[in-house]
Amino acid sequence: MLTVEKPSPNRVDLHLRGALNSETMRAALDDFVAACEGVEKGRMIYEIADFKLPTLGALVVELSRLPELFGLLRRFHKCAVLCDTDWIRSAADFEGDLLPGVQVRTYKTAQRREAEAWLDDV
């Protein structure tokens, strides 16, 4: 399940737990797009726990919306990824190097305060 929260006007939090199918992916992406409305110089926390590969249908839904999602990334300038799995943090660091204009830092779940402090440091 992927849930989306908007704790402040320029911050969006994503929480991923378990696997996604096409229906849950579609709903989560709709929620994410709605949460991004009005965001400028945004900050994001992406918390990943109990990661499981999404279904093929979920990947198809995500791929079909990639242009829209890449457009939304321009609204953000910082993203903190929280995860206790080393390879996921490494992958997030690598992806962060590929995203122009977005700083990505990874943290273990217990480092949430440090991640939020970094996000708030403008």
Protein backbone atom coordinates (compact mmCIF):
# COMPACT_ATOMS: atom_id res chain seq x y z
CA MET A 1 0.00 0.00 0.00
CA LEU A 2 1.22 3.50 -0.85
CA THR A 3 -0.32 6.32 1.16
CA VAL A 4 0.12 10.02 0.54
CA GLU A 5 -0.04 12.79 3.13
CA LYS A 6 0.43 16.54 2.83
CA PRO A 7 1.51 17.78 6.29
CA SER A 8 2.20 21.32 5.02
CA PRO A 9 1.62 23.33 1.82
CA ASN A 10 5.07 22.50 0.40
CA ARG A 11 5.63 19.02 1.77
CA VAL A 12 4.34 15.66 0.63
CA ASP A 13 4.98 12.41 2.49
CA LEU A 14 4.76 8.99 0.84
CA HIS A 15 4.56 5.78 2.87
CA LEU A 16 5.10 2.49 1.04
CA ARG A 17 4.37 -0.77 2.82
CA GLY A 18 4.09 -4.07 1.03
CA ALA A 19 3.18 -4.72 -2.58
CA LEU A 20 1.15 -2.63 -4.99
CA ASN A 21 -1.29 -3.85 -7.62
CA SER A 22 -2.74 -1.83 -10.48
CA GLU A 23 -5.69 -0.52 -8.45
CA THR A 24 -3.64 0.60 -5.44
CA MET A 25 -0.99 2.12 -7.73
CA ARG A 26 -3.61 4.10 -9.68
CA ALA A 27 -5.22 5.40 -6.47
CA ALA A 28 -1.85 6.29 -4.92
CA LEU A 29 -0.71 8.17 -8.02
CA ASP A 30 -4.00 10.06 -8.12
CA ASP A 31 -3.50 11.00 -4.46
CA PHE A 32 0.10 12.05 -5.16
CA VAL A 33 -0.89 14.26 -8.09
CA ALA A 34 -3.58 15.91 -5.96
CA ALA A 35 -1.15 16.45 -3.07
CA CYS A 36 1.35 18.13 -5.41
CA GLU A 37 -1.18 20.82 -6.34
CA GLY A 38 0.30 24.20 -5.46
CA VAL A 39 3.64 22.82 -4.23
CA GLU A 40 6.64 25.05 -4.98
CA LYS A 41 10.20 24.34 -3.86
CA GLY A 42 8.71 21.33 -2.17
CA ARG A 43 10.09 18.78 0.20
CA MET A 44 9.22 15.12 0.33
CA ILE A 45 9.68 12.21 2.70
CA TYR A 46 9.46 8.82 1.06
CA GLU A 47 9.30 6.12 3.72
CA ILE A 48 9.69 2.56 2.48
CA ALA A 49 8.95 -0.34 4.83
CA ASP A 50 8.34 -4.00 4.10
CA PHE A 51 9.13 -3.53 0.39
CA LYS A 52 7.68 -6.06 -2.02
CA LEU A 53 7.89 -5.88 -5.79
CA PRO A 54 4.79 -4.35 -7.38
CA THR A 55 2.68 -6.44 -9.72
CA LEU A 56 3.12 -6.16 -13.46
CA GLY A 57 -0.17 -4.28 -13.63
CA ALA A 58 1.09 -1.72 -11.11
CA LEU A 59 4.24 -1.18 -13.17
CA VAL A 60 2.17 -0.64 -16.32
CA VAL A 61 0.07 1.99 -14.50
CA GLU A 62 3.21 3.76 -13.27
CA LEU A 63 4.91 3.66 -16.66
CA SER A 64 1.84 5.09 -18.35
CA ARG A 65 2.02 8.13 -16.05
CA LEU A 66 5.79 8.71 -16.08
CA PRO A 67 5.63 11.95 -18.11
CA GLU A 68 3.15 13.41 -15.63
CA LEU A 69 5.24 12.24 -12.65
CA PHE A 70 8.48 13.67 -14.05
CA GLY A 71 6.68 16.99 -14.51
CA LEU A 72 5.68 16.96 -10.86
CA LEU A 73 9.27 16.39 -9.77
CA ARG A 74 10.08 19.96 -10.83
CA ARG A 75 7.93 21.12 -7.90
CA PHE A 76 10.34 19.54 -5.39
CA HIS A 77 13.88 20.44 -4.44
CA LYS A 78 14.52 17.99 -1.58
CA CYS A 79 13.55 14.38 -0.96
CA ALA A 80 14.49 12.30 2.07
CA VAL A 81 14.14 8.55 1.62
CA LEU A 82 13.68 6.57 4.85
CA CYS A 83 14.36 2.85 4.63
CA ASP A 84 16.21 0.21 6.62
CA THR A 85 17.14 -1.84 3.54
CA ASP A 86 20.65 -1.02 2.30
CA TRP A 87 20.08 -1.80 -1.38
CA ILE A 88 16.98 0.40 -1.53
CA ARG A 89 18.90 3.33 0.00
CA SER A 90 21.70 2.74 -2.52
CA ALA A 91 19.20 2.71 -5.39
CA ALA A 92 17.60 5.93 -4.10
CA ASP A 93 21.03 7.59 -3.89
CA PHE A 94 21.72 6.56 -7.50
CA GLU A 95 18.32 7.80 -8.72
CA GLY A 96 18.90 11.06 -6.86
CA ASP A 97 22.06 11.60 -8.90
CA LEU A 98 19.95 11.35 -12.07
CA LEU A 99 17.23 13.83 -11.05
CA PRO A 100 18.13 17.37 -12.02
CA GLY A 101 17.21 20.01 -9.46
CA VAL A 102 16.22 17.55 -6.72
CA GLN A 103 18.51 16.78 -3.79
CA VAL A 104 17.98 13.25 -2.48
CA ARG A 105 19.36 11.95 0.80
CA THR A 106 18.75 8.57 2.36
CA TYR A 107 18.30 7.72 6.01
CA LYS A 108 17.46 4.73 8.14
CA THR A 109 13.93 4.81 9.56
CA ALA A 110 15.22 5.67 13.05
CA GLN A 111 16.85 8.81 11.58
CA ARG A 112 13.53 10.49 10.79
CA ARG A 113 14.37 13.56 12.92
CA GLU A 114 17.63 14.06 11.04
CA ALA A 115 15.80 13.70 7.73
CA GLU A 116 13.16 16.25 8.71
CA ALA A 117 15.84 18.66 9.97
CA TRP A 118 17.62 18.40 6.62
CA LEU A 119 14.35 18.99 4.75
CA ASP A 120 13.61 22.07 6.89
CA ASP A 121 17.08 23.52 6.35
CA VAL A 122 16.33 25.81 3.44
